[in-house]
């Protein structure tokens, strides 16, 4: 089994002092040298509802290595894919830090560690996810630890992370940036998904739908947008053509169906009063169906052959939870849960 808690070098030397003069005091540089660690994952029993409530619950922290560190950016895991994810995104705000875009539960940052923890789910499906970033090295890499606890067991993973960079001839290979767009009126947040039909890009962001013409890739132009009045957290989008009309089906709560036939003037055509974290559409035998996936494991199925008048067909409840993605082929749903 991979050792979860590696002792900081020099600790043994400090504890081993004896005699009249004792051992010489360790050099300050030695105290700031992070220990080596193994990349990988282990499962350990969950100690209780307060498991991984502090950065030190993962094990020792080398003090001071984050002093003066510029944390902002996306940090990619190296050596292995850890815990089903490949990176961590950080955005520093004073003594708080937004980890993986979680605005509701900011993490903490000081000279020693970044720490972020949140609980999710409901009765019977509650879980804890905790993360820490520590031990910056001379080459700029750091250690990340991530724990996911389901009430009985915690899966604890460790990896080294490096900063994602762009436009560096020494690092890119056969990739060239042609153009980019960040709308002046786009709200804070990030992009979840994009669907292409011809040269039109249907971009779903946290703040809603943006329709972008990409015929000239060096100069993408936003033609129109649609944003729900009030709260919303749009996460996925699929495009359905019906007759001479085109509709965007948007995963949110409720599900919005937007007429995008005129890209400059998208309008709400219908709403489905259910939740959808992710969605997929399939057309078979002239009928188009929309399949939703949700964190509570439910997967409603709707007939959207006429998207302006959706009809519920049924649903399925997964024995798991957190349906994060799904794909449909021949009427069979493949769920990532």
C-alpha atoms as a PDB file:
ATOM      1  CA  UNK A   1       0.000   0.000   0.000  1.00  0.00           C
ATOM      2  CA  UNK A   2       1.237   3.498  -0.808  1.00  0.00           C
ATOM      3  CA  UNK A   3       2.339   5.380   2.303  1.00  0.00           C
ATOM      4  CA  UNK A   4      -0.101   8.221   2.866  1.00  0.00           C
ATOM      5  CA  UNK A   5       1.845  10.255   5.388  1.00  0.00           C
ATOM      6  CA  UNK A   6       5.519  10.908   4.664  1.00  0.00           C
ATOM      7  CA  UNK A   7       7.514  12.524   7.485  1.00  0.00           C
ATOM      8  CA  UNK A   8       9.278  15.786   6.755  1.00  0.00           C
ATOM      9  CA  UNK A   9      13.049  15.243   6.480  1.00  0.00           C
ATOM     10  CA  UNK A  10      14.973  16.948   9.296  1.00  0.00           C
ATOM     11  CA  UNK A  11      12.164  16.151  11.752  1.00  0.00           C
ATOM     12  CA  UNK A  12      13.984  13.058  12.897  1.00  0.00           C
ATOM     13  CA  UNK A  13      17.169  15.073  13.267  1.00  0.00           C
ATOM     14  CA  UNK A  14      15.399  17.594  15.475  1.00  0.00           C
ATOM     15  CA  UNK A  15      13.774  14.914  17.619  1.00  0.00           C
ATOM     16  CA  UNK A  16      17.066  13.022  17.897  1.00  0.00           C
ATOM     17  CA  UNK A  17      18.991  15.853  19.607  1.00  0.00           C
ATOM     18  CA  UNK A  18      20.758  14.745  22.780  1.00  0.00           C
ATOM     19  CA  UNK A  19      23.841  15.220  24.905  1.00  0.00           C
ATOM     20  CA  UNK A  20      25.223  18.490  26.162  1.00  0.00           C
ATOM     21  CA  UNK A  21      25.320  20.359  22.907  1.00  0.00           C
ATOM     22  CA  UNK A  22      22.799  18.271  20.972  1.00  0.00           C
ATOM     23  CA  UNK A  23      22.806  17.887  17.208  1.00  0.00           C
ATOM     24  CA  UNK A  24      23.438  21.011  15.143  1.00  0.00           C
ATOM     25  CA  UNK A  25      20.365  23.033  14.259  1.00  0.00           C
ATOM     26  CA  UNK A  26      19.118  22.146  10.741  1.00  0.00           C
ATOM     27  CA  UNK A  27      19.742  24.703   8.049  1.00  0.00           C
ATOM     28  CA  UNK A  28      16.667  26.813   7.209  1.00  0.00           C
ATOM     29  CA  UNK A  29      16.848  25.661   3.577  1.00  0.00           C
ATOM     30  CA  UNK A  30      16.605  22.033   4.729  1.00  0.00           C
ATOM     31  CA  UNK A  31      13.400  22.755   6.624  1.00  0.00           C
ATOM     32  CA  UNK A  32      11.844  24.160   3.434  1.00  0.00           C
ATOM     33  CA  UNK A  33      12.809  21.216   1.233  1.00  0.00           C
ATOM     34  CA  UNK A  34       9.586  19.259   0.594  1.00  0.00           C
ATOM     35  CA  UNK A  35       9.796  15.495   1.089  1.00  0.00           C
ATOM     36  CA  UNK A  36       9.405  13.066  -1.784  1.00  0.00           C
ATOM     37  CA  UNK A  37       6.066  11.276  -2.042  1.00  0.00           C
ATOM     38  CA  UNK A  38       4.398   8.594  -4.121  1.00  0.00           C
ATOM     39  CA  UNK A  39       1.849   9.449  -6.781  1.00  0.00           C
ATOM     40  CA  UNK A  40      -1.264   7.324  -6.519  1.00  0.00           C
ATOM     41  CA  UNK A  41      -4.346   6.523  -4.461  1.00  0.00           C
ATOM     42  CA  UNK A  42      -5.286   4.556  -1.338  1.00  0.00           C
ATOM     43  CA  UNK A  43      -8.511   3.793   0.484  1.00  0.00           C
ATOM     44  CA  UNK A  44      -8.711   4.358   4.234  1.00  0.00           C
ATOM     45  CA  UNK A  45     -11.635   4.095   6.686  1.00  0.00           C
ATOM     46  CA  UNK A  46     -13.515   7.372   7.148  1.00  0.00           C
ATOM     47  CA  UNK A  47     -12.863   8.634  10.684  1.00  0.00           C
ATOM     48  CA  UNK A  48     -16.214  10.427  10.971  1.00  0.00           C
ATOM     49  CA  UNK A  49     -18.295  13.305   9.620  1.00  0.00           C
ATOM     50  CA  UNK A  50     -15.409  15.750  10.222  1.00  0.00           C
ATOM     51  CA  UNK A  51     -12.886  13.765   8.181  1.00  0.00           C
ATOM     52  CA  UNK A  52     -10.339  15.933   6.350  1.00  0.00           C
ATOM     53  CA  UNK A  53     -11.413  19.177   8.005  1.00  0.00           C
ATOM     54  CA  UNK A  54      -7.922  20.710   7.835  1.00  0.00           C
ATOM     55  CA  UNK A  55      -4.918  20.595   5.530  1.00  0.00           C
ATOM     56  CA  UNK A  56      -2.866  18.706   8.121  1.00  0.00           C
ATOM     57  CA  UNK A  57      -5.421  15.874   8.144  1.00  0.00           C
ATOM     58  CA  UNK A  58      -3.720  14.710   4.961  1.00  0.00           C
ATOM     59  CA  UNK A  59      -0.372  14.604   6.775  1.00  0.00           C
ATOM     60  CA  UNK A  60       2.542  16.956   7.466  1.00  0.00           C
ATOM     61  CA  UNK A  61       2.984  20.231   5.588  1.00  0.00           C
ATOM     62  CA  UNK A  62       6.371  21.753   4.783  1.00  0.00           C
ATOM     63  CA  UNK A  63       6.067  25.313   6.155  1.00  0.00           C
ATOM     64  CA  UNK A  64       6.592  28.424   4.083  1.00  0.00           C
ATOM     65  CA  UNK A  65       6.833  26.947   0.605  1.00  0.00           C
ATOM     66  CA  UNK A  66       3.843  28.948  -0.704  1.00  0.00           C
ATOM     67  CA  UNK A  67       5.266  32.300   0.400  1.00  0.00           C
ATOM     68  CA  UNK A  68       4.978  34.724  -2.527  1.00  0.00           C
ATOM     69  CA  UNK A  69       3.384  32.067  -4.721  1.00  0.00           C
ATOM     70  CA  UNK A  70       1.179  33.179  -7.626  1.00  0.00           C
ATOM     71  CA  UNK A  71      -1.605  30.622  -7.300  1.00  0.00           C
ATOM     72  CA  UNK A  72      -3.972  31.700 -10.082  1.00  0.00           C
ATOM     73  CA  UNK A  73      -4.336  29.322 -13.006  1.00  0.00           C
ATOM     74  CA  UNK A  74      -5.016  25.730 -13.940  1.00  0.00           C
ATOM     75  CA  UNK A  75      -2.606  23.197 -12.505  1.00  0.00           C
ATOM     76  CA  UNK A  76      -2.333  19.836 -14.264  1.00  0.00           C
ATOM     77  CA  UNK A  77      -1.526  16.556 -12.575  1.00  0.00           C
ATOM     78  CA  UNK A  78       1.590  14.825 -13.856  1.00  0.00           C
ATOM     79  CA  UNK A  79       2.591  11.184 -13.695  1.00  0.00           C
ATOM     80  CA  UNK A  80      -0.934   9.802 -13.310  1.00  0.00           C
ATOM     81  CA  UNK A  81      -4.620  10.600 -13.596  1.00  0.00           C
ATOM     82  CA  UNK A  82      -5.773  11.012 -10.012  1.00  0.00           C
ATOM     83  CA  UNK A  83      -9.269  10.478  -8.656  1.00  0.00           C
ATOM     84  CA  UNK A  84     -10.898  10.666 -12.090  1.00  0.00           C
ATOM     85  CA  UNK A  85      -9.799  14.268 -12.629  1.00  0.00           C
ATOM     86  CA  UNK A  86      -6.737  15.706 -14.344  1.00  0.00           C
ATOM     87  CA  UNK A  87      -6.287  19.210 -12.953  1.00  0.00           C
ATOM     88  CA  UNK A  88      -7.193  21.758 -10.295  1.00  0.00           C
ATOM     89  CA  UNK A  89      -8.133  25.399 -10.997  1.00  0.00           C
ATOM     90  CA  UNK A  90      -7.178  28.111  -8.485  1.00  0.00           C
ATOM     91  CA  UNK A  91      -8.177  31.778  -8.219  1.00  0.00           C
ATOM     92  CA  UNK A  92      -6.805  33.720  -5.255  1.00  0.00           C
ATOM     93  CA  UNK A  93      -8.924  36.379  -3.534  1.00  0.00           C
ATOM     94  CA  UNK A  94      -7.037  37.808  -0.571  1.00  0.00           C
ATOM     95  CA  UNK A  95      -6.798  35.144   2.133  1.00  0.00           C
ATOM     96  CA  UNK A  96      -9.414  33.049   0.348  1.00  0.00           C
ATOM     97  CA  UNK A  97      -9.087  31.005  -2.812  1.00  0.00           C
ATOM     98  CA  UNK A  98     -11.663  29.708  -5.267  1.00  0.00           C
ATOM     99  CA  UNK A  99     -10.878  26.066  -6.008  1.00  0.00           C
ATOM    100  CA  UNK A 100     -12.311  24.466  -9.142  1.00  0.00           C
ATOM    101  CA  UNK A 101     -14.733  27.397  -9.598  1.00  0.00           C
ATOM    102  CA  UNK A 102     -16.599  26.621  -6.360  1.00  0.00           C
ATOM    103  CA  UNK A 103     -17.769  30.153  -5.519  1.00  0.00           C
ATOM    104  CA  UNK A 104     -20.105  28.979  -2.734  1.00  0.00           C
ATOM    105  CA  UNK A 105     -17.431  27.389  -0.526  1.00  0.00           C
ATOM    106  CA  UNK A 106     -14.139  29.262  -0.946  1.00  0.00           C
ATOM    107  CA  UNK A 107     -10.969  27.624   0.277  1.00  0.00           C
ATOM    108  CA  UNK A 108      -8.147  29.102   2.339  1.00  0.00           C
ATOM    109  CA  UNK A 109      -4.564  29.946   1.393  1.00  0.00           C
ATOM    110  CA  UNK A 110      -1.553  30.959   3.472  1.00  0.00           C
ATOM    111  CA  UNK A 111       2.218  30.558   3.231  1.00  0.00           C
ATOM    112  CA  UNK A 112       1.921  26.825   3.879  1.00  0.00           C
ATOM    113  CA  UNK A 113      -1.122  25.355   2.117  1.00  0.00           C
ATOM    114  CA  UNK A 114      -4.225  25.745   0.018  1.00  0.00           C
ATOM    115  CA  UNK A 115      -7.179  23.908   1.546  1.00  0.00           C
ATOM    116  CA  UNK A 116     -10.706  23.401   0.227  1.00  0.00           C
ATOM    117  CA  UNK A 117     -13.493  21.166   1.525  1.00  0.00           C
ATOM    118  CA  UNK A 118     -17.172  20.770   0.792  1.00  0.00           C
ATOM    119  CA  UNK A 119     -19.976  18.322   1.436  1.00  0.00           C
ATOM    120  CA  UNK A 120     -22.632  17.429  -1.101  1.00  0.00           C
ATOM    121  CA  UNK A 121     -25.487  15.049  -1.655  1.00  0.00           C
ATOM    122  CA  UNK A 122     -28.478  14.254   0.497  1.00  0.00           C
ATOM    123  CA  UNK A 123     -29.687  11.524   2.778  1.00  0.00           C
ATOM    124  CA  UNK A 124     -28.100   8.249   1.786  1.00  0.00           C
ATOM    125  CA  UNK A 125     -25.710   9.844  -0.700  1.00  0.00           C
ATOM    126  CA  UNK A 126     -23.745  12.419   1.327  1.00  0.00           C
ATOM    127  CA  UNK A 127     -20.075  12.712   0.542  1.00  0.00           C
ATOM    128  CA  UNK A 128     -17.052  14.869   1.333  1.00  0.00           C
ATOM    129  CA  UNK A 129     -14.468  16.155  -1.112  1.00  0.00           C
ATOM    130  CA  UNK A 130     -11.356  17.797   0.341  1.00  0.00           C
ATOM    131  CA  UNK A 131      -8.286  19.101  -1.473  1.00  0.00           C
ATOM    132  CA  UNK A 132      -5.003  20.659  -0.476  1.00  0.00           C
ATOM    133  CA  UNK A 133      -2.034  22.046  -2.417  1.00  0.00           C
ATOM    134  CA  UNK A 134       1.329  22.205  -0.632  1.00  0.00           C
ATOM    135  CA  UNK A 135       5.109  21.893  -0.968  1.00  0.00           C
ATOM    136  CA  UNK A 136       6.181  24.157  -3.815  1.00  0.00           C
ATOM    137  CA  UNK A 137       9.517  23.088  -5.272  1.00  0.00           C
ATOM    138  CA  UNK A 138      12.290  24.996  -6.997  1.00  0.00           C
ATOM    139  CA  UNK A 139      10.952  23.930 -10.420  1.00  0.00           C
ATOM    140  CA  UNK A 140       7.533  25.483  -9.630  1.00  0.00           C
ATOM    141  CA  UNK A 141       5.692  22.186  -9.217  1.00  0.00           C
ATOM    142  CA  UNK A 142       3.605  21.430  -6.133  1.00  0.00           C
ATOM    143  CA  UNK A 143       1.923  18.520  -4.413  1.00  0.00           C
ATOM    144  CA  UNK A 144      -1.857  18.129  -4.515  1.00  0.00           C
ATOM    145  CA  UNK A 145      -3.860  15.779  -2.300  1.00  0.00           C
ATOM    146  CA  UNK A 146      -7.522  14.962  -2.830  1.00  0.00           C
ATOM    147  CA  UNK A 147      -9.878  12.940  -0.613  1.00  0.00           C
ATOM    148  CA  UNK A 148     -13.362  11.709  -1.492  1.00  0.00           C
ATOM    149  CA  UNK A 149     -15.311  10.187   1.420  1.00  0.00           C
ATOM    150  CA  UNK A 150     -18.637   8.401   1.107  1.00  0.00           C
ATOM    151  CA  UNK A 151     -19.417   7.888   4.800  1.00  0.00           C
ATOM    152  CA  UNK A 152     -17.476   4.669   5.239  1.00  0.00           C
ATOM    153  CA  UNK A 153     -14.332   4.942   3.137  1.00  0.00           C
ATOM    154  CA  UNK A 154     -12.122   7.792   1.952  1.00  0.00           C
ATOM    155  CA  UNK A 155     -10.198   7.473  -1.302  1.00  0.00           C
ATOM    156  CA  UNK A 156      -7.078   9.612  -0.899  1.00  0.00           C
ATOM    157  CA  UNK A 157      -4.954  10.502  -3.913  1.00  0.00           C
ATOM    158  CA  UNK A 158      -1.703  12.431  -4.295  1.00  0.00           C
ATOM    159  CA  UNK A 159      -0.046  13.887  -7.379  1.00  0.00           C
ATOM    160  CA  UNK A 160       2.403  16.531  -8.521  1.00  0.00           C
ATOM    161  CA  UNK A 161       0.952  19.531 -10.391  1.00  0.00           C
ATOM    162  CA  UNK A 162       2.413  21.986 -12.891  1.00  0.00           C
ATOM    163  CA  UNK A 163       0.946  25.225 -14.218  1.00  0.00           C
ATOM    164  CA  UNK A 164      -0.846  25.093 -17.573  1.00  0.00           C
ATOM    165  CA  UNK A 165       0.696  27.637 -19.942  1.00  0.00           C
ATOM    166  CA  UNK A 166      -0.089  28.830 -23.440  1.00  0.00           C
ATOM    167  CA  UNK A 167       1.587  30.416 -26.494  1.00  0.00           C
ATOM    168  CA  UNK A 168       4.985  29.023 -25.565  1.00  0.00           C
ATOM    169  CA  UNK A 169       6.895  27.733 -28.597  1.00  0.00           C
ATOM    170  CA  UNK A 170       8.996  25.530 -26.342  1.00  0.00           C
ATOM    171  CA  UNK A 171       5.949  23.747 -24.910  1.00  0.00           C
ATOM    172  CA  UNK A 172       3.367  23.492 -27.672  1.00  0.00           C
ATOM    173  CA  UNK A 173       3.481  20.919 -30.449  1.00  0.00           C
ATOM    174  CA  UNK A 174       1.626  21.356 -33.754  1.00  0.00           C
ATOM    175  CA  UNK A 175      -0.923  23.723 -32.172  1.00  0.00           C
ATOM    176  CA  UNK A 176      -1.468  27.318 -33.238  1.00  0.00           C
ATOM    177  CA  UNK A 177      -3.908  29.791 -31.735  1.00  0.00           C
ATOM    178  CA  UNK A 178      -6.006  31.144 -34.626  1.00  0.00           C
ATOM    179  CA  UNK A 179      -8.465  33.352 -32.747  1.00  0.00           C
ATOM    180  CA  UNK A 180     -10.343  33.732 -29.507  1.00  0.00           C
ATOM    181  CA  UNK A 181     -13.363  35.507 -28.085  1.00  0.00           C
ATOM    182  CA  UNK A 182     -14.314  36.661 -24.613  1.00  0.00           C
ATOM    183  CA  UNK A 183     -17.457  38.755 -24.761  1.00  0.00           C
ATOM    184  CA  UNK A 184     -17.397  42.145 -23.059  1.00  0.00           C
ATOM    185  CA  UNK A 185     -20.725  41.451 -21.376  1.00  0.00           C
ATOM    186  CA  UNK A 186     -20.066  37.839 -20.376  1.00  0.00           C
ATOM    187  CA  UNK A 187     -20.617  37.320 -16.692  1.00  0.00           C
ATOM    188  CA  UNK A 188     -17.946  35.869 -14.441  1.00  0.00           C
ATOM    189  CA  UNK A 189     -17.805  32.124 -14.773  1.00  0.00           C
ATOM    190  CA  UNK A 190     -16.650  29.672 -17.341  1.00  0.00           C
ATOM    191  CA  UNK A 191     -17.677  27.644 -20.370  1.00  0.00           C
ATOM    192  CA  UNK A 192     -19.130  24.153 -19.890  1.00  0.00           C
ATOM    193  CA  UNK A 193     -19.780  22.940 -23.419  1.00  0.00           C
ATOM    194  CA  UNK A 194     -20.048  23.835 -27.091  1.00  0.00           C
ATOM    195  CA  UNK A 195     -21.950  22.332 -30.052  1.00  0.00           C
ATOM    196  CA  UNK A 196     -21.065  23.079 -33.672  1.00  0.00           C
ATOM    197  CA  UNK A 197     -23.555  23.145 -36.557  1.00  0.00           C
ATOM    198  CA  UNK A 198     -21.840  24.285 -39.722  1.00  0.00           C
ATOM    199  CA  UNK A 199     -19.838  27.349 -38.736  1.00  0.00           C
ATOM    200  CA  UNK A 200     -22.130  28.272 -35.839  1.00  0.00           C
ATOM    201  CA  UNK A 201     -20.883  27.537 -32.334  1.00  0.00           C
ATOM    202  CA  UNK A 202     -23.549  27.168 -29.641  1.00  0.00           C
ATOM    203  CA  UNK A 203     -21.571  27.936 -26.491  1.00  0.00           C
ATOM    204  CA  UNK A 204     -23.064  27.148 -23.107  1.00  0.00           C
ATOM    205  CA  UNK A 205     -21.642  29.120 -20.248  1.00  0.00           C
ATOM    206  CA  UNK A 206     -22.603  29.429 -16.623  1.00  0.00           C
ATOM    207  CA  UNK A 207     -24.615  32.523 -17.588  1.00  0.00           C
ATOM    208  CA  UNK A 208     -26.491  30.939 -20.498  1.00  0.00           C
ATOM    209  CA  UNK A 209     -26.271  30.408 -24.258  1.00  0.00           C
ATOM    210  CA  UNK A 210     -24.022  32.337 -26.668  1.00  0.00           C
ATOM    211  CA  UNK A 211     -24.241  31.846 -30.442  1.00  0.00           C
ATOM    212  CA  UNK A 212     -20.979  32.558 -32.262  1.00  0.00           C
ATOM    213  CA  UNK A 213     -20.159  32.703 -35.965  1.00  0.00           C
ATOM    214  CA  UNK A 214     -16.787  31.062 -36.651  1.00  0.00           C
ATOM    215  CA  UNK A 215     -16.679  31.262 -40.469  1.00  0.00           C
ATOM    216  CA  UNK A 216     -13.546  33.391 -39.999  1.00  0.00           C
ATOM    217  CA  UNK A 217     -11.778  31.554 -37.175  1.00  0.00           C
ATOM    218  CA  UNK A 218      -9.404  34.458 -36.659  1.00  0.00           C
ATOM    219  CA  UNK A 219     -12.364  36.747 -35.937  1.00  0.00           C
ATOM    220  CA  UNK A 220     -15.194  34.879 -34.153  1.00  0.00           C
ATOM    221  CA  UNK A 221     -18.294  37.058 -33.746  1.00  0.00           C
ATOM    222  CA  UNK A 222     -21.114  36.644 -31.234  1.00  0.00           C
ATOM    223  CA  UNK A 223     -24.444  36.847 -33.070  1.00  0.00           C
ATOM    224  CA  UNK A 224     -26.805  36.568 -30.129  1.00  0.00           C
ATOM    225  CA  UNK A 225     -27.285  35.226 -26.627  1.00  0.00           C
ATOM    226  CA  UNK A 226     -30.020  33.992 -24.336  1.00  0.00           C
ATOM    227  CA  UNK A 227     -29.973  34.276 -20.572  1.00  0.00           C
ATOM    228  CA  UNK A 228     -32.621  33.202 -18.159  1.00  0.00           C
ATOM    229  CA  UNK A 229     -34.162  35.842 -15.922  1.00  0.00           C
ATOM    230  CA  UNK A 230     -33.182  35.043 -12.346  1.00  0.00           C
ATOM    231  CA  UNK A 231     -31.069  32.172 -11.111  1.00  0.00           C
ATOM    232  CA  UNK A 232     -29.570  29.631 -13.463  1.00  0.00           C
ATOM    233  CA  UNK A 233     -26.554  27.395 -13.859  1.00  0.00           C
ATOM    234  CA  UNK A 234     -26.512  26.211 -17.458  1.00  0.00           C
ATOM    235  CA  UNK A 235     -24.259  23.175 -17.796  1.00  0.00           C
ATOM    236  CA  UNK A 236     -24.883  21.435 -21.146  1.00  0.00           C
ATOM    237  CA  UNK A 237     -26.573  22.049 -24.490  1.00  0.00           C
ATOM    238  CA  UNK A 238     -27.815  19.989 -27.440  1.00  0.00           C
ATOM    239  CA  UNK A 239     -29.157  21.258 -30.778  1.00  0.00           C
ATOM    240  CA  UNK A 240     -32.329  19.789 -32.332  1.00  0.00           C
ATOM    241  CA  UNK A 241     -33.663  20.671 -35.799  1.00  0.00           C
ATOM    242  CA  UNK A 242     -37.435  20.310 -36.315  1.00  0.00           C
ATOM    243  CA  UNK A 243     -38.837  21.245 -39.713  1.00  0.00           C
ATOM    244  CA  UNK A 244     -37.461  24.659 -40.621  1.00  0.00           C
ATOM    245  CA  UNK A 245     -36.711  25.556 -37.022  1.00  0.00           C
ATOM    246  CA  UNK A 246     -33.725  24.950 -34.745  1.00  0.00           C
ATOM    247  CA  UNK A 247     -33.806  24.637 -30.976  1.00  0.00           C
ATOM    248  CA  UNK A 248     -31.203  24.557 -28.219  1.00  0.00           C
ATOM    249  CA  UNK A 249     -32.036  22.321 -25.249  1.00  0.00           C
ATOM    250  CA  UNK A 250     -30.184  23.578 -22.181  1.00  0.00           C
ATOM    251  CA  UNK A 251     -29.406  21.500 -19.090  1.00  0.00           C
ATOM    252  CA  UNK A 252     -30.423  23.578 -16.077  1.00  0.00           C
ATOM    253  CA  UNK A 253     -33.192  23.700 -13.486  1.00  0.00           C
ATOM    254  CA  UNK A 254     -35.701  23.830 -15.101  1.00  0.00           C
ATOM    255  CA  UNK A 255     -34.575  22.684 -18.554  1.00  0.00           C
ATOM    256  CA  UNK A 256     -34.889  25.499 -21.091  1.00  0.00           C
ATOM    257  CA  UNK A 257     -35.761  24.950 -24.754  1.00  0.00           C
ATOM    258  CA  UNK A 258     -34.724  27.986 -26.799  1.00  0.00           C
ATOM    259  CA  UNK A 259     -35.678  28.721 -30.409  1.00  0.00           C
ATOM    260  CA  UNK A 260     -32.374  29.648 -32.099  1.00  0.00           C
ATOM    261  CA  UNK A 261     -33.671  29.680 -35.679  1.00  0.00           C
ATOM    262  CA  UNK A 262     -32.693  33.348 -35.810  1.00  0.00           C
ATOM    263  CA  UNK A 263     -29.264  33.365 -34.120  1.00  0.00           C
ATOM    264  CA  UNK A 264     -29.530  37.092 -33.433  1.00  0.00           C
ATOM    265  CA  UNK A 265     -32.841  36.698 -31.614  1.00  0.00           C
ATOM    266  CA  UNK A 266     -33.039  33.489 -29.560  1.00  0.00           C
ATOM    267  CA  UNK A 267     -36.328  33.125 -27.681  1.00  0.00           C
ATOM    268  CA  UNK A 268     -37.654  30.755 -25.047  1.00  0.00           C
ATOM    269  CA  UNK A 269     -39.945  28.171 -26.684  1.00  0.00           C
ATOM    270  CA  UNK A 270     -40.678  25.878 -23.722  1.00  0.00           C
ATOM    271  CA  UNK A 271     -39.512  24.778 -20.300  1.00  0.00           C
ATOM    272  CA  UNK A 272     -39.357  21.309 -18.784  1.00  0.00           C
ATOM    273  CA  UNK A 273     -39.900  21.550 -15.046  1.00  0.00           C
ATOM    274  CA  UNK A 274     -37.209  19.046 -14.172  1.00  0.00           C
ATOM    275  CA  UNK A 275     -33.516  19.210 -13.382  1.00  0.00           C
ATOM    276  CA  UNK A 276     -30.780  18.212 -15.823  1.00  0.00           C
ATOM    277  CA  UNK A 277     -27.088  18.323 -15.048  1.00  0.00           C
ATOM    278  CA  UNK A 278     -26.278  16.707 -18.391  1.00  0.00           C
ATOM    279  CA  UNK A 279     -28.339  15.700 -21.412  1.00  0.00           C
ATOM    280  CA  UNK A 280     -28.198  13.745 -24.637  1.00  0.00           C
ATOM    281  CA  UNK A 281     -30.556  13.546 -27.621  1.00  0.00           C
ATOM    282  CA  UNK A 282     -31.135  10.723 -30.089  1.00  0.00           C
ATOM    283  CA  UNK A 283     -33.383  10.486 -33.154  1.00  0.00           C
ATOM    284  CA  UNK A 284     -34.692   7.028 -34.087  1.00  0.00           C
ATOM    285  CA  UNK A 285     -37.606   6.122 -36.364  1.00  0.00           C
ATOM    286  CA  UNK A 286     -38.421   9.799 -36.844  1.00  0.00           C
ATOM    287  CA  UNK A 287     -38.706  10.515 -33.101  1.00  0.00           C
ATOM    288  CA  UNK A 288     -36.238  12.590 -31.103  1.00  0.00           C
ATOM    289  CA  UNK A 289     -35.782  11.906 -27.422  1.00  0.00           C
ATOM    290  CA  UNK A 290     -33.934  13.882 -24.764  1.00  0.00           C
ATOM    291  CA  UNK A 291     -32.313  11.993 -21.901  1.00  0.00           C
ATOM    292  CA  UNK A 292     -31.351  13.869 -18.726  1.00  0.00           C
ATOM    293  CA  UNK A 293     -28.830  12.911 -16.065  1.00  0.00           C
ATOM    294  CA  UNK A 294     -28.860  14.266 -12.511  1.00  0.00           C
ATOM    295  CA  UNK A 295     -26.788  14.227  -9.338  1.00  0.00           C
ATOM    296  CA  UNK A 296     -29.557  12.369  -7.498  1.00  0.00           C
ATOM    297  CA  UNK A 297     -29.260   9.480  -9.972  1.00  0.00           C
ATOM    298  CA  UNK A 298     -32.530  10.139 -11.804  1.00  0.00           C
ATOM    299  CA  UNK A 299     -32.652  10.124 -15.608  1.00  0.00           C
ATOM    300  CA  UNK A 300     -35.925  11.477 -17.078  1.00  0.00           C
ATOM    301  CA  UNK A 301     -36.717  10.789 -20.750  1.00  0.00           C
ATOM    302  CA  UNK A 302     -38.684  13.261 -22.898  1.00  0.00           C
ATOM    303  CA  UNK A 303     -39.991  13.262 -26.462  1.00  0.00           C
ATOM    304  CA  UNK A 304     -38.695  16.448 -28.105  1.00  0.00           C
ATOM    305  CA  UNK A 305     -39.625  15.634 -31.699  1.00  0.00           C
ATOM    306  CA  UNK A 306     -41.441  18.961 -31.491  1.00  0.00           C
ATOM    307  CA  UNK A 307     -39.182  20.771 -29.015  1.00  0.00           C
ATOM    308  CA  UNK A 308     -41.749  23.521 -28.452  1.00  0.00           C
ATOM    309  CA  UNK A 309     -44.146  20.882 -27.050  1.00  0.00           C
ATOM    310  CA  UNK A 310     -42.062  18.330 -25.115  1.00  0.00           C
ATOM    311  CA  UNK A 311     -43.791  15.221 -23.785  1.00  0.00           C
ATOM    312  CA  UNK A 312     -42.497  13.087 -20.911  1.00  0.00           C
ATOM    313  CA  UNK A 313     -42.083   9.393 -21.738  1.00  0.00           C
ATOM    314  CA  UNK A 314     -40.692   8.026 -18.481  1.00  0.00           C
ATOM    315  CA  UNK A 315     -37.494   7.850 -16.509  1.00  0.00           C
ATOM    316  CA  UNK A 316     -34.882   5.707 -14.847  1.00  0.00           C
ATOM    317  CA  UNK A 317     -33.252   5.879 -11.417  1.00  0.00           C
ATOM    318  CA  UNK A 318     -29.644   4.781 -11.324  1.00  0.00           C
ATOM    319  CA  UNK A 319     -28.540   2.617  -8.376  1.00  0.00           C
ATOM    320  CA  UNK A 320     -25.607   5.029  -8.104  1.00  0.00           C
ATOM    321  CA  UNK A 321     -25.590   8.797  -7.832  1.00  0.00           C
ATOM    322  CA  UNK A 322     -24.046  11.878  -9.439  1.00  0.00           C
ATOM    323  CA  UNK A 323     -24.849  11.138 -13.090  1.00  0.00           C
ATOM    324  CA  UNK A 324     -22.206  13.493 -14.448  1.00  0.00           C
ATOM    325  CA  UNK A 325     -22.434  12.514 -18.104  1.00  0.00           C
ATOM    326  CA  UNK A 326     -24.306  10.111 -20.353  1.00  0.00           C
ATOM    327  CA  UNK A 327     -24.377   8.941 -23.949  1.00  0.00           C
ATOM    328  CA  UNK A 328     -27.121   7.180 -25.920  1.00  0.00           C
ATOM    329  CA  UNK A 329     -26.758   4.674 -28.739  1.00  0.00           C
ATOM    330  CA  UNK A 330     -29.613   2.615 -30.145  1.00  0.00           C
ATOM    331  CA  UNK A 331     -31.834   3.425 -27.197  1.00  0.00           C
ATOM    332  CA  UNK A 332     -29.251   2.283 -24.656  1.00  0.00           C
ATOM    333  CA  UNK A 333     -28.021   4.857 -22.126  1.00  0.00           C
ATOM    334  CA  UNK A 334     -24.440   4.684 -20.906  1.00  0.00           C
ATOM    335  CA  UNK A 335     -24.217   6.566 -17.618  1.00  0.00           C
ATOM    336  CA  UNK A 336     -21.130   8.030 -15.980  1.00  0.00           C
ATOM    337  CA  UNK A 337     -22.261   7.908 -12.355  1.00  0.00           C
END
